[in-house]
């Protein structure tokens, strides 16, 4: 029996290891340890991600705050048409008209362009009237349509000019009825 005393726990006399009934408690403890380690890893990963994002945001803020503020361009000189434009639209069936006042903006100090605009007023009015009369009420219903009209007018007017270019077209009154 002395040999029996030498046998380790869980061994039998045949020398074969016989595991004791695995305790359900040991398995649960192992699973809980793994879950706790995974949760701790996620918490650690969250803290690292937070501090990395915070550092990146502060770097971006420093970059944006270092951008110099640019002065706005000087105001444009204006050429105002003295008479308003009244034009029938190209709508079929119902009669509609456009009533519009406008001015042209160009670089300040360009006296030659100012004189050319005054001299070519009849040509400019004719070009504007032709463009407006080709539009329907639906063509001028949204703000985007009016911006497109503004660009079309600017391109057509600049095509007529030789002393400089119109930078912008301003509608001071615009009614489609």
C-alpha atoms as a PDB file:
ATOM      1  CA  UNK A   1       0.000   0.000   0.000  1.00  0.00           C
ATOM      2  CA  UNK A   2       2.956   2.255   0.227  1.00  0.00           C
ATOM      3  CA  UNK A   3       2.861   2.429  -3.489  1.00  0.00           C
ATOM      4  CA  UNK A   4      -0.700   3.487  -3.222  1.00  0.00           C
ATOM      5  CA  UNK A   5       0.349   6.450  -1.180  1.00  0.00           C
ATOM      6  CA  UNK A   6       2.808   7.495  -3.867  1.00  0.00           C
ATOM      7  CA  UNK A   7       0.173   7.626  -6.518  1.00  0.00           C
ATOM      8  CA  UNK A   8      -0.896  11.085  -7.360  1.00  0.00           C
ATOM      9  CA  UNK A   9      -4.394  12.160  -7.022  1.00  0.00           C
ATOM     10  CA  UNK A  10      -6.409  11.044 -10.036  1.00  0.00           C
ATOM     11  CA  UNK A  11      -4.095   8.119 -10.908  1.00  0.00           C
ATOM     12  CA  UNK A  12      -5.045   4.544 -10.450  1.00  0.00           C
ATOM     13  CA  UNK A  13      -2.811   1.585  -9.782  1.00  0.00           C
ATOM     14  CA  UNK A  14      -2.620   0.803 -13.506  1.00  0.00           C
ATOM     15  CA  UNK A  15      -0.596   3.988 -14.021  1.00  0.00           C
ATOM     16  CA  UNK A  16      -3.201   5.562 -16.211  1.00  0.00           C
ATOM     17  CA  UNK A  17      -4.240   9.118 -15.437  1.00  0.00           C
ATOM     18  CA  UNK A  18      -7.928   9.362 -14.774  1.00  0.00           C
ATOM     19  CA  UNK A  19      -9.135  12.944 -14.622  1.00  0.00           C
ATOM     20  CA  UNK A  20     -11.455  13.717 -11.860  1.00  0.00           C
ATOM     21  CA  UNK A  21     -14.848  14.869 -12.818  1.00  0.00           C
ATOM     22  CA  UNK A  22     -14.202  18.324 -14.239  1.00  0.00           C
ATOM     23  CA  UNK A  23     -15.810  20.748 -12.003  1.00  0.00           C
ATOM     24  CA  UNK A  24     -18.355  23.020 -13.784  1.00  0.00           C
ATOM     25  CA  UNK A  25     -17.141  25.739 -11.511  1.00  0.00           C
ATOM     26  CA  UNK A  26     -13.601  25.612 -12.954  1.00  0.00           C
ATOM     27  CA  UNK A  27     -14.929  25.989 -16.503  1.00  0.00           C
ATOM     28  CA  UNK A  28     -17.086  28.949 -15.546  1.00  0.00           C
ATOM     29  CA  UNK A  29     -14.149  30.607 -13.820  1.00  0.00           C
ATOM     30  CA  UNK A  30     -11.958  30.147 -16.916  1.00  0.00           C
ATOM     31  CA  UNK A  31     -14.678  31.571 -19.172  1.00  0.00           C
ATOM     32  CA  UNK A  32     -15.171  34.534 -16.843  1.00  0.00           C
ATOM     33  CA  UNK A  33     -11.430  35.220 -16.856  1.00  0.00           C
ATOM     34  CA  UNK A  34     -11.378  35.253 -20.677  1.00  0.00           C
ATOM     35  CA  UNK A  35     -14.422  37.528 -20.809  1.00  0.00           C
ATOM     36  CA  UNK A  36     -12.874  39.887 -18.255  1.00  0.00           C
ATOM     37  CA  UNK A  37      -9.618  40.014 -20.237  1.00  0.00           C
ATOM     38  CA  UNK A  38     -11.529  40.760 -23.454  1.00  0.00           C
ATOM     39  CA  UNK A  39     -13.537  43.514 -21.742  1.00  0.00           C
ATOM     40  CA  UNK A  40     -10.373  45.040 -20.282  1.00  0.00           C
ATOM     41  CA  UNK A  41      -8.796  44.949 -23.759  1.00  0.00           C
ATOM     42  CA  UNK A  42     -11.798  46.735 -25.247  1.00  0.00           C
ATOM     43  CA  UNK A  43     -11.720  49.404 -22.551  1.00  0.00           C
ATOM     44  CA  UNK A  44      -7.995  49.918 -23.117  1.00  0.00           C
ATOM     45  CA  UNK A  45      -8.517  50.086 -26.888  1.00  0.00           C
ATOM     46  CA  UNK A  46     -11.309  52.653 -26.400  1.00  0.00           C
ATOM     47  CA  UNK A  47      -9.078  54.887 -24.266  1.00  0.00           C
ATOM     48  CA  UNK A  48      -6.253  54.704 -26.813  1.00  0.00           C
ATOM     49  CA  UNK A  49      -8.631  55.516 -29.686  1.00  0.00           C
ATOM     50  CA  UNK A  50     -10.102  58.447 -27.733  1.00  0.00           C
ATOM     51  CA  UNK A  51      -6.719  60.021 -27.037  1.00  0.00           C
ATOM     52  CA  UNK A  52      -5.484  59.477 -30.608  1.00  0.00           C
ATOM     53  CA  UNK A  53      -8.651  61.107 -32.005  1.00  0.00           C
ATOM     54  CA  UNK A  54      -8.370  63.962 -29.511  1.00  0.00           C
ATOM     55  CA  UNK A  55      -4.761  64.617 -30.544  1.00  0.00           C
ATOM     56  CA  UNK A  56      -5.648  64.490 -34.254  1.00  0.00           C
ATOM     57  CA  UNK A  57      -8.527  66.936 -33.724  1.00  0.00           C
ATOM     58  CA  UNK A  58      -6.303  69.382 -31.867  1.00  0.00           C
ATOM     59  CA  UNK A  59      -3.729  69.199 -34.673  1.00  0.00           C
ATOM     60  CA  UNK A  60      -6.462  69.883 -37.224  1.00  0.00           C
ATOM     61  CA  UNK A  61      -7.711  72.831 -35.163  1.00  0.00           C
ATOM     62  CA  UNK A  62      -4.188  74.262 -34.992  1.00  0.00           C
ATOM     63  CA  UNK A  63      -3.930  73.902 -38.772  1.00  0.00           C
ATOM     64  CA  UNK A  64      -7.268  75.621 -39.412  1.00  0.00           C
ATOM     65  CA  UNK A  65      -6.579  78.406 -36.932  1.00  0.00           C
ATOM     66  CA  UNK A  66      -3.266  79.185 -38.605  1.00  0.00           C
ATOM     67  CA  UNK A  67      -4.936  79.951 -41.956  1.00  0.00           C
ATOM     68  CA  UNK A  68      -4.664  83.648 -42.719  1.00  0.00           C
ATOM     69  CA  UNK A  69      -7.815  85.673 -43.168  1.00  0.00           C
ATOM     70  CA  UNK A  70      -7.916  87.093 -46.678  1.00  0.00           C
ATOM     71  CA  UNK A  71      -9.359  90.518 -47.315  1.00  0.00           C
ATOM     72  CA  UNK A  72     -12.427  90.524 -49.522  1.00  0.00           C
ATOM     73  CA  UNK A  73     -11.868  91.859 -53.013  1.00  0.00           C
ATOM     74  CA  UNK A  74     -12.576  95.550 -53.530  1.00  0.00           C
ATOM     75  CA  UNK A  75     -16.152  96.384 -54.491  1.00  0.00           C
ATOM     76  CA  UNK A  76     -16.958  96.530 -58.157  1.00  0.00           C
ATOM     77  CA  UNK A  77     -17.897  99.684 -59.989  1.00  0.00           C
ATOM     78  CA  UNK A  78     -21.450  99.556 -61.335  1.00  0.00           C
ATOM     79  CA  UNK A  79     -23.067 100.450 -64.613  1.00  0.00           C
ATOM     80  CA  UNK A  80     -26.812 100.884 -64.089  1.00  0.00           C
ATOM     81  CA  UNK A  81     -29.277 100.659 -66.936  1.00  0.00           C
ATOM     82  CA  UNK A  82     -31.547 103.673 -66.554  1.00  0.00           C
ATOM     83  CA  UNK A  83     -34.602 101.974 -68.031  1.00  0.00           C
ATOM     84  CA  UNK A  84     -36.141  98.745 -66.845  1.00  0.00           C
ATOM     85  CA  UNK A  85     -36.556  95.773 -69.166  1.00  0.00           C
ATOM     86  CA  UNK A  86     -40.122  94.659 -69.988  1.00  0.00           C
ATOM     87  CA  UNK A  87     -40.244  91.630 -72.238  1.00  0.00           C
ATOM     88  CA  UNK A  88     -42.891  89.048 -73.141  1.00  0.00           C
ATOM     89  CA  UNK A  89     -41.841  85.469 -72.433  1.00  0.00           C
ATOM     90  CA  UNK A  90     -41.684  82.694 -75.011  1.00  0.00           C
ATOM     91  CA  UNK A  91     -44.614  80.844 -73.399  1.00  0.00           C
ATOM     92  CA  UNK A  92     -47.205  79.418 -75.789  1.00  0.00           C
ATOM     93  CA  UNK A  93     -50.863  79.899 -74.888  1.00  0.00           C
ATOM     94  CA  UNK A  94     -50.726  82.106 -71.805  1.00  0.00           C
ATOM     95  CA  UNK A  95     -49.112  85.514 -72.052  1.00  0.00           C
ATOM     96  CA  UNK A  96     -46.444  86.237 -69.442  1.00  0.00           C
ATOM     97  CA  UNK A  97     -43.896  89.012 -69.161  1.00  0.00           C
ATOM     98  CA  UNK A  98     -40.599  89.703 -67.444  1.00  0.00           C
ATOM     99  CA  UNK A  99     -39.973  93.005 -65.687  1.00  0.00           C
ATOM    100  CA  UNK A 100     -36.372  93.453 -64.705  1.00  0.00           C
ATOM    101  CA  UNK A 101     -33.880  96.085 -63.597  1.00  0.00           C
ATOM    102  CA  UNK A 102     -30.213  95.267 -63.629  1.00  0.00           C
ATOM    103  CA  UNK A 103     -26.728  96.642 -63.292  1.00  0.00           C
ATOM    104  CA  UNK A 104     -23.321  95.410 -64.351  1.00  0.00           C
ATOM    105  CA  UNK A 105     -20.316  95.167 -62.058  1.00  0.00           C
ATOM    106  CA  UNK A 106     -16.783  95.699 -63.373  1.00  0.00           C
ATOM    107  CA  UNK A 107     -13.316  96.490 -62.058  1.00  0.00           C
ATOM    108  CA  UNK A 108     -13.049  99.863 -60.343  1.00  0.00           C
ATOM    109  CA  UNK A 109     -11.168 102.577 -62.189  1.00  0.00           C
ATOM    110  CA  UNK A 110     -11.707 101.138 -65.664  1.00  0.00           C
ATOM    111  CA  UNK A 111     -12.888 104.378 -67.263  1.00  0.00           C
ATOM    112  CA  UNK A 112     -12.569 102.963 -70.780  1.00  0.00           C
ATOM    113  CA  UNK A 113     -14.983 100.140 -69.974  1.00  0.00           C
ATOM    114  CA  UNK A 114     -17.382 102.556 -68.282  1.00  0.00           C
ATOM    115  CA  UNK A 115     -17.386 104.731 -71.427  1.00  0.00           C
ATOM    116  CA  UNK A 116     -17.813 101.674 -73.673  1.00  0.00           C
ATOM    117  CA  UNK A 117     -20.789 100.435 -71.637  1.00  0.00           C
ATOM    118  CA  UNK A 118     -22.444 103.870 -71.934  1.00  0.00           C
ATOM    119  CA  UNK A 119     -21.736 104.004 -75.671  1.00  0.00           C
ATOM    120  CA  UNK A 120     -22.983 100.456 -76.326  1.00  0.00           C
ATOM    121  CA  UNK A 121     -26.129 100.693 -74.182  1.00  0.00           C
ATOM    122  CA  UNK A 122     -28.484 100.156 -77.155  1.00  0.00           C
ATOM    123  CA  UNK A 123     -26.546  97.040 -78.246  1.00  0.00           C
ATOM    124  CA  UNK A 124     -26.465  95.720 -74.694  1.00  0.00           C
ATOM    125  CA  UNK A 125     -30.199  96.306 -74.232  1.00  0.00           C
ATOM    126  CA  UNK A 126     -30.930  94.544 -77.519  1.00  0.00           C
ATOM    127  CA  UNK A 127     -28.839  91.520 -76.519  1.00  0.00           C
ATOM    128  CA  UNK A 128     -30.487  91.349 -73.095  1.00  0.00           C
ATOM    129  CA  UNK A 129     -33.985  91.658 -74.568  1.00  0.00           C
ATOM    130  CA  UNK A 130     -33.292  88.896 -77.096  1.00  0.00           C
ATOM    131  CA  UNK A 131     -32.087  86.554 -74.350  1.00  0.00           C
ATOM    132  CA  UNK A 132     -35.035  87.351 -72.072  1.00  0.00           C
ATOM    133  CA  UNK A 133     -37.618  86.951 -74.838  1.00  0.00           C
ATOM    134  CA  UNK A 134     -36.346  83.438 -75.495  1.00  0.00           C
ATOM    135  CA  UNK A 135     -37.140  82.350 -71.931  1.00  0.00           C
ATOM    136  CA  UNK A 136     -40.385  80.847 -70.666  1.00  0.00           C
ATOM    137  CA  UNK A 137     -41.895  81.388 -67.237  1.00  0.00           C
ATOM    138  CA  UNK A 138     -40.744  77.876 -66.267  1.00  0.00           C
ATOM    139  CA  UNK A 139     -37.174  78.732 -67.382  1.00  0.00           C
ATOM    140  CA  UNK A 140     -37.015  81.449 -64.706  1.00  0.00           C
ATOM    141  CA  UNK A 141     -38.897  79.838 -61.824  1.00  0.00           C
ATOM    142  CA  UNK A 142     -36.049  78.932 -59.439  1.00  0.00           C
ATOM    143  CA  UNK A 143     -33.062  80.759 -58.008  1.00  0.00           C
ATOM    144  CA  UNK A 144     -30.759  78.399 -59.915  1.00  0.00           C
ATOM    145  CA  UNK A 145     -32.491  79.444 -63.152  1.00  0.00           C
ATOM    146  CA  UNK A 146     -31.814  83.099 -62.358  1.00  0.00           C
ATOM    147  CA  UNK A 147     -28.146  82.359 -61.627  1.00  0.00           C
ATOM    148  CA  UNK A 148     -27.871  80.580 -64.980  1.00  0.00           C
ATOM    149  CA  UNK A 149     -29.537  83.566 -66.682  1.00  0.00           C
ATOM    150  CA  UNK A 150     -27.054  85.871 -64.944  1.00  0.00           C
ATOM    151  CA  UNK A 151     -24.133  83.830 -66.317  1.00  0.00           C
ATOM    152  CA  UNK A 152     -25.661  83.738 -69.798  1.00  0.00           C
ATOM    153  CA  UNK A 153     -26.142  87.516 -69.793  1.00  0.00           C
ATOM    154  CA  UNK A 154     -22.595  88.104 -68.547  1.00  0.00           C
ATOM    155  CA  UNK A 155     -21.111  85.913 -71.290  1.00  0.00           C
ATOM    156  CA  UNK A 156     -23.171  87.591 -74.013  1.00  0.00           C
ATOM    157  CA  UNK A 157     -22.338  91.100 -72.779  1.00  0.00           C
ATOM    158  CA  UNK A 158     -18.619  90.313 -72.489  1.00  0.00           C
ATOM    159  CA  UNK A 159     -18.664  89.055 -76.061  1.00  0.00           C
ATOM    160  CA  UNK A 160     -19.633  92.573 -77.191  1.00  0.00           C
ATOM    161  CA  UNK A 161     -17.032  94.449 -75.124  1.00  0.00           C
ATOM    162  CA  UNK A 162     -13.433  95.220 -76.076  1.00  0.00           C
ATOM    163  CA  UNK A 163     -12.244  97.485 -73.230  1.00  0.00           C
ATOM    164  CA  UNK A 164     -12.635  94.997 -70.390  1.00  0.00           C
ATOM    165  CA  UNK A 165     -14.990  92.423 -68.975  1.00  0.00           C
ATOM    166  CA  UNK A 166     -18.081  92.565 -66.797  1.00  0.00           C
ATOM    167  CA  UNK A 167     -17.364  90.670 -63.567  1.00  0.00           C
ATOM    168  CA  UNK A 168     -20.927  90.325 -62.331  1.00  0.00           C
ATOM    169  CA  UNK A 169     -24.561  90.970 -63.253  1.00  0.00           C
ATOM    170  CA  UNK A 170     -26.930  92.223 -60.555  1.00  0.00           C
ATOM    171  CA  UNK A 171     -30.709  91.984 -60.705  1.00  0.00           C
ATOM    172  CA  UNK A 172     -32.136  94.883 -58.726  1.00  0.00           C
ATOM    173  CA  UNK A 173     -35.696  93.925 -59.648  1.00  0.00           C
ATOM    174  CA  UNK A 174     -36.911  90.710 -61.236  1.00  0.00           C
ATOM    175  CA  UNK A 175     -40.574  89.872 -61.794  1.00  0.00           C
ATOM    176  CA  UNK A 176     -42.032  87.127 -63.975  1.00  0.00           C
ATOM    177  CA  UNK A 177     -45.794  87.420 -64.307  1.00  0.00           C
END
